[in-house]
Protein backbone atom coordinates (compact mmCIF):
# COMPACT_ATOMS: atom_id res chain seq x y z
CA MET A 1 7.01 43.40 -22.87
CA SER A 2 6.46 39.70 -23.09
CA SER A 3 3.85 37.96 -21.01
CA PRO A 4 4.99 35.28 -18.58
CA ALA A 5 4.61 31.69 -19.72
CA LEU A 6 1.52 30.05 -18.36
CA VAL A 7 2.05 26.79 -16.55
CA PRO A 8 -0.73 24.29 -17.20
CA ASP A 9 -2.73 23.45 -14.12
CA THR A 10 -1.90 19.76 -13.94
CA PRO A 11 -2.31 17.76 -10.76
CA ALA A 12 0.74 16.31 -9.04
CA ARG A 13 1.80 12.84 -10.07
CA VAL A 14 0.29 10.02 -8.02
CA ALA A 15 2.77 8.20 -5.77
CA LEU A 16 3.92 4.83 -7.08
CA ARG A 17 2.07 2.22 -5.04
CA ARG A 18 0.66 -1.24 -5.74
CA PRO A 19 -3.12 -0.93 -5.35
CA THR A 20 -5.20 -3.56 -3.60
CA GLU A 21 -8.12 -3.13 -6.03
CA GLY A 22 -8.09 -3.72 -9.79
CA ARG A 23 -4.96 -5.80 -9.95
CA MET A 24 -4.33 -9.04 -11.81
CA ILE A 25 -1.22 -10.46 -10.10
CA ALA A 26 0.50 -8.07 -7.69
CA GLY A 27 -0.74 -4.67 -8.83
CA VAL A 28 2.57 -3.59 -10.35
CA ALA A 29 1.18 -2.77 -13.80
CA SER A 30 -1.91 -0.96 -12.51
CA GLY A 31 0.13 1.05 -10.00
CA LEU A 32 2.72 1.96 -12.65
CA ALA A 33 -0.03 2.91 -15.12
CA GLU A 34 -1.69 5.17 -12.56
CA HIS A 35 1.65 6.76 -11.68
CA LEU A 36 2.56 7.38 -15.33
CA ARG A 37 -1.03 8.35 -16.29
CA MET A 38 -1.20 5.68 -18.98
CA PRO A 39 -3.77 3.02 -19.81
CA VAL A 40 -3.09 -0.11 -17.79
CA GLY A 41 -3.41 -2.26 -20.93
CA VAL A 42 -0.41 -0.53 -22.48
CA VAL A 43 1.72 -1.17 -19.39
CA ARG A 44 0.66 -4.83 -19.18
CA THR A 45 1.33 -5.33 -22.87
CA THR A 46 4.77 -3.77 -22.48
CA PHE A 47 5.62 -6.18 -19.65
CA VAL A 48 4.46 -9.16 -21.75
CA VAL A 49 6.36 -8.09 -24.87
CA LEU A 50 9.55 -7.42 -22.91
CA SER A 51 9.17 -10.81 -21.22
CA PHE A 52 8.99 -12.63 -24.55
CA LEU A 53 11.78 -10.65 -26.20
CA SER A 54 14.48 -10.73 -23.56
CA GLY A 55 13.04 -11.71 -20.21
CA ALA A 56 13.48 -8.12 -19.03
CA GLY A 57 9.73 -7.78 -18.45
CA LEU A 58 9.72 -10.57 -15.87
CA LEU A 59 12.81 -9.17 -14.20
CA ALA A 60 11.39 -5.64 -14.09
CA TYR A 61 8.03 -6.90 -12.80
CA GLY A 62 9.71 -8.91 -10.06
CA VAL A 63 11.92 -6.03 -8.98
CA LEU A 64 8.98 -3.63 -8.89
CA TRP A 65 6.90 -6.19 -6.99
CA VAL A 66 9.54 -6.27 -4.27
CA LEU A 67 10.42 -2.56 -4.19
CA VAL A 68 7.06 -0.79 -4.68
CA PRO A 69 5.02 -0.66 -1.47
CA ARG A 70 1.40 -1.73 -1.28
CA GLN A 71 -1.20 0.99 -1.14
CA ARG A 72 -2.93 1.11 2.21
CA GLU A 73 -6.67 1.54 2.34
CA GLN A 74 -6.39 4.42 4.75
CA GLU A 75 -3.25 6.18 5.86
CA GLU A 76 -2.82 5.74 9.59
CA SER A 77 -2.34 8.83 11.66
CA ALA A 78 -0.07 8.91 14.65
CA GLY A 79 -1.41 8.96 18.16
CA LEU A 80 -4.45 7.72 19.98
CA GLU A 81 -6.68 7.45 16.91
CA ALA A 82 -4.30 5.07 15.14
CA ALA A 83 -3.74 3.06 18.32
CA SER A 84 -7.46 2.60 18.87
CA ARG A 85 -7.94 1.37 15.27
CA ARG A 86 -5.31 -1.31 15.92
CA GLY A 87 -7.09 -2.34 19.10
CA CYS A 88 -4.62 -0.67 21.48
CA VAL A 89 -6.26 1.58 24.01
CA PRO A 90 -4.59 3.50 26.81
CA TRP A 91 -4.67 1.73 30.14
CA SER A 92 -7.06 3.44 32.51
CA GLY A 93 -6.14 1.46 35.61
CA PRO A 94 -4.71 2.91 38.81
CA SER A 95 -1.16 1.81 38.07
CA ALA A 96 1.03 4.20 36.06
CA VAL A 97 3.45 1.36 35.23
CA ARG A 98 1.29 -0.16 32.52
CA THR A 99 0.67 2.44 29.83
CA THR A 100 -1.23 0.53 27.14
CA ALA A 101 -3.55 -2.43 26.99
CA CYS A 102 -1.65 -4.12 24.14
């Protein structure tokens, strides 16, 4: 009998987001490097080389800048907790017509 193939225990790939920390322009290269598990210098160099050769680097950077969402500091949860962080608190007055204070 043959033994089953072992699958390496690798973590799931990080979602493609533009980080707010450690970025030079818009965070496209650092977010892409984190997503692809590559050094950020390699990704930045690739964008620069492609920009000089054919302009494709600038085009790709611009498209990714528009399409890739920014990484939020903390994911907001639904409900009262998220509302209170935004400054919205439930109305505690006697009237049932007004439901929130924002």
